[in-house]
Amino acid sequence: QVQLAESGGGLVQSGGSLRLSCAASRAALEHYAIGWFRQAPGKGREGIACMSSMDDSTNYANSVKGRFTISRANAKNTAYLQMNSLKPEDTAVYYCAAVRGGHWEPRFRSMCFNSGSYDDWGQGTQVTVSS
């Protein structure tokens, strides 16, 4: 079981950028698929980006495609979410999640946005985008 800890959240103006980090411990993150989720006040948890453990293929929700980038640095045992062109509607608590050996064939890749696909979760980090 991997332990995850997010950091990098904060307050940013609309149009700005933030990079979230997801530091892993107790296991090597390179063997895990990674997902980033967010939950805005009064709304359900939304999957926004994911990366396969097998080939590092990525998938993005339409709401963030072209603005957010998921990546990982195996040497640092850390995953990242680079967020550019932030909008007020991006305000939420952001979570990283992981599942060992996770990989989805292209026709099933949307399953990576399902929170039930992951076993391990971080505690979340708040991102607030002001208008």
Protein backbone atom coordinates (compact mmCIF):
# COMPACT_ATOMS: atom_id res chain seq x y z
CA GLN A 1 0.00 0.00 0.00
CA VAL A 2 1.35 3.39 -0.96
CA GLN A 3 0.88 6.50 1.15
CA LEU A 4 0.20 9.75 -0.70
CA ALA A 5 0.53 13.37 0.37
CA GLU A 6 -0.54 16.30 -1.77
CA SER A 7 0.95 19.78 -1.59
CA GLY A 8 1.12 22.92 -3.68
CA GLY A 9 -2.41 24.19 -3.34
CA GLY A 10 -3.21 27.80 -2.55
CA LEU A 11 -4.90 30.98 -3.70
CA VAL A 12 -4.28 32.16 -7.26
CA GLN A 13 -5.85 34.71 -9.56
CA SER A 14 -7.82 33.69 -12.62
CA GLY A 15 -5.44 32.93 -15.47
CA GLY A 16 -2.66 31.93 -13.12
CA SER A 17 -0.87 28.63 -12.63
CA LEU A 18 -0.17 26.16 -9.84
CA ARG A 19 1.69 22.87 -9.68
CA LEU A 20 0.37 20.27 -7.30
CA SER A 21 2.64 17.53 -6.01
CA CYS A 22 1.71 14.06 -4.81
CA ALA A 23 4.57 12.58 -2.79
CA ALA A 24 4.50 8.83 -2.30
CA SER A 25 5.99 6.74 0.49
CA ARG A 26 6.11 3.05 1.45
CA ALA A 27 6.09 2.00 -2.22
CA ALA A 28 7.47 2.99 -5.59
CA LEU A 29 4.94 5.14 -7.39
CA GLU A 30 6.26 4.03 -10.79
CA HIS A 31 4.31 0.77 -10.37
CA TYR A 32 1.03 2.59 -9.81
CA ALA A 33 -1.51 4.29 -11.99
CA ILE A 34 -2.17 7.81 -10.76
CA GLY A 35 -5.35 9.78 -10.81
CA TRP A 36 -6.10 13.36 -9.89
CA PHE A 37 -9.56 14.20 -8.63
CA ARG A 38 -11.21 17.31 -7.30
CA GLN A 39 -14.27 18.11 -5.23
CA ALA A 40 -15.87 21.53 -5.18
CA PRO A 41 -18.20 22.59 -2.35
CA GLY A 42 -21.57 20.90 -2.66
CA LYS A 43 -20.46 18.74 -5.59
CA GLY A 44 -19.30 15.19 -6.08
CA ARG A 45 -15.72 14.08 -6.63
CA GLU A 46 -14.64 14.59 -10.24
CA GLY A 47 -11.83 12.69 -11.94
CA ILE A 48 -9.80 15.07 -14.08
CA ALA A 49 -6.50 13.43 -15.06
CA CYS A 50 -4.92 10.00 -14.95
CA MET A 51 -1.73 8.23 -15.95
CA SER A 52 -1.25 4.53 -16.57
CA SER A 53 1.29 2.46 -14.65
CA MET A 54 2.13 0.44 -17.77
CA ASP A 55 2.98 3.04 -20.39
CA ASP A 56 2.36 6.42 -18.74
CA SER A 57 -0.48 7.07 -21.17
CA THR A 58 -2.65 9.91 -19.97
CA ASN A 59 -6.27 10.93 -20.11
CA TYR A 60 -7.93 14.22 -19.24
CA ALA A 61 -11.46 15.32 -18.53
CA ASN A 62 -12.84 17.81 -21.03
CA SER A 63 -13.04 20.42 -18.28
CA VAL A 64 -9.22 20.54 -17.96
CA LYS A 65 -7.93 19.27 -21.32
CA GLY A 66 -5.33 21.59 -22.78
CA ARG A 67 -4.82 23.40 -19.45
CA PHE A 68 -3.70 20.69 -17.00
CA THR A 69 -0.84 18.19 -17.36
CA ILE A 70 -0.23 15.10 -15.27
CA SER A 71 3.30 13.76 -14.90
CA ARG A 72 5.51 11.76 -12.60
CA ALA A 73 9.16 11.83 -11.51
CA ASN A 74 10.15 8.32 -10.50
CA ALA A 75 13.44 9.43 -8.99
CA LYS A 76 11.50 11.65 -6.59
CA ASN A 77 8.65 9.16 -6.14
CA THR A 78 6.29 12.02 -6.85
CA ALA A 79 3.47 12.77 -9.26
CA TYR A 80 2.46 16.23 -10.39
CA LEU A 81 -0.47 18.14 -11.76
CA GLN A 82 0.52 21.29 -13.61
CA MET A 83 -2.47 23.60 -13.81
CA ASN A 84 -2.41 26.56 -16.20
CA SER A 85 -5.01 29.13 -17.23
CA LEU A 86 -6.88 28.55 -14.00
CA LYS A 87 -10.51 29.59 -13.75
CA PRO A 88 -12.73 30.28 -10.73
CA GLU A 89 -14.62 27.07 -11.50
CA ASP A 90 -11.39 25.14 -10.84
CA THR A 91 -11.75 26.00 -7.15
CA ALA A 92 -11.90 22.72 -5.24
CA VAL A 93 -10.04 20.34 -2.97
CA TYR A 94 -7.67 18.33 -5.15
CA TYR A 95 -6.78 14.72 -4.39
CA CYS A 96 -4.28 12.31 -5.87
CA ALA A 97 -5.03 8.61 -5.93
CA ALA A 98 -3.13 5.49 -6.92
CA VAL A 99 -3.74 1.86 -7.80
CA ARG A 100 -0.95 -0.66 -8.26
CA GLY A 101 -0.66 -1.91 -11.81
CA GLY A 102 -3.53 0.23 -13.01
CA HIS A 103 -3.92 0.39 -16.77
CA TRP A 104 -6.94 0.88 -18.96
CA GLU A 105 -7.22 -0.08 -22.60
CA PRO A 106 -8.25 2.88 -24.79
CA ARG A 107 -11.88 1.86 -25.00
CA PHE A 108 -12.08 1.68 -21.19
CA ARG A 109 -9.85 4.64 -20.43
CA SER A 110 -12.74 6.70 -19.02
CA MET A 111 -12.75 4.27 -16.08
CA CYS A 112 -9.64 6.02 -14.83
CA PHE A 113 -11.96 8.88 -13.80
CA ASN A 114 -13.92 6.55 -11.53
CA SER A 115 -12.87 6.96 -7.89
CA GLY A 116 -13.63 3.28 -7.29
CA SER A 117 -10.74 2.36 -9.59
CA TYR A 118 -8.20 3.48 -6.97
CA ASP A 119 -7.10 1.98 -3.66
CA ASP A 120 -4.98 4.70 -2.09
CA TRP A 121 -5.74 8.38 -1.58
CA GLY A 122 -4.05 11.48 -0.26
CA GLN A 123 -5.64 13.90 2.18
CA GLY A 124 -6.26 16.63 -0.40
CA THR A 125 -5.04 20.16 -0.97
CA GLN A 126 -7.21 23.26 -1.42
CA VAL A 127 -7.02 25.27 -4.63
CA THR A 128 -8.86 28.58 -4.74
CA VAL A 129 -9.01 30.66 -7.92
CA SER A 130 -10.18 34.24 -7.52
CA SER A 131 -11.88 36.15 -10.33
